[in-house]
Amino acid sequence: MEEYLFIAKAAGFIGAALAIGMGTFGSALAQGLVASRACENIGKYPESAGNIRATMFLALILIETMAIYALLISGALILFAK
């Protein structure tokens, strides 16, 4: 019975590591793409730089929530792996 408990705890820790790893990887990739496209469009249309920048910041905020959710899920997996 002890080894099954150990396997369950290990699975929780591995799941937490995967959740935070994939969540931050996806978030970082998306943020890079958004910033890249914003820089391209500001270069093409400098007169609308303010609108592009505001939209970019809104998109970055929404993307960052994915990393925060991944952190919360991994924290919950570690906390409740007891």
Foldseek 3Di string as FASTA:
>chain_A
DVVVLVVLLVVLLVVLVVLLVVLVVVLVVVLVVLVVVLVVVCVVPVVCNVVSVVVSVVVNVVSVVSNVVSNVSSVVSNVPSD
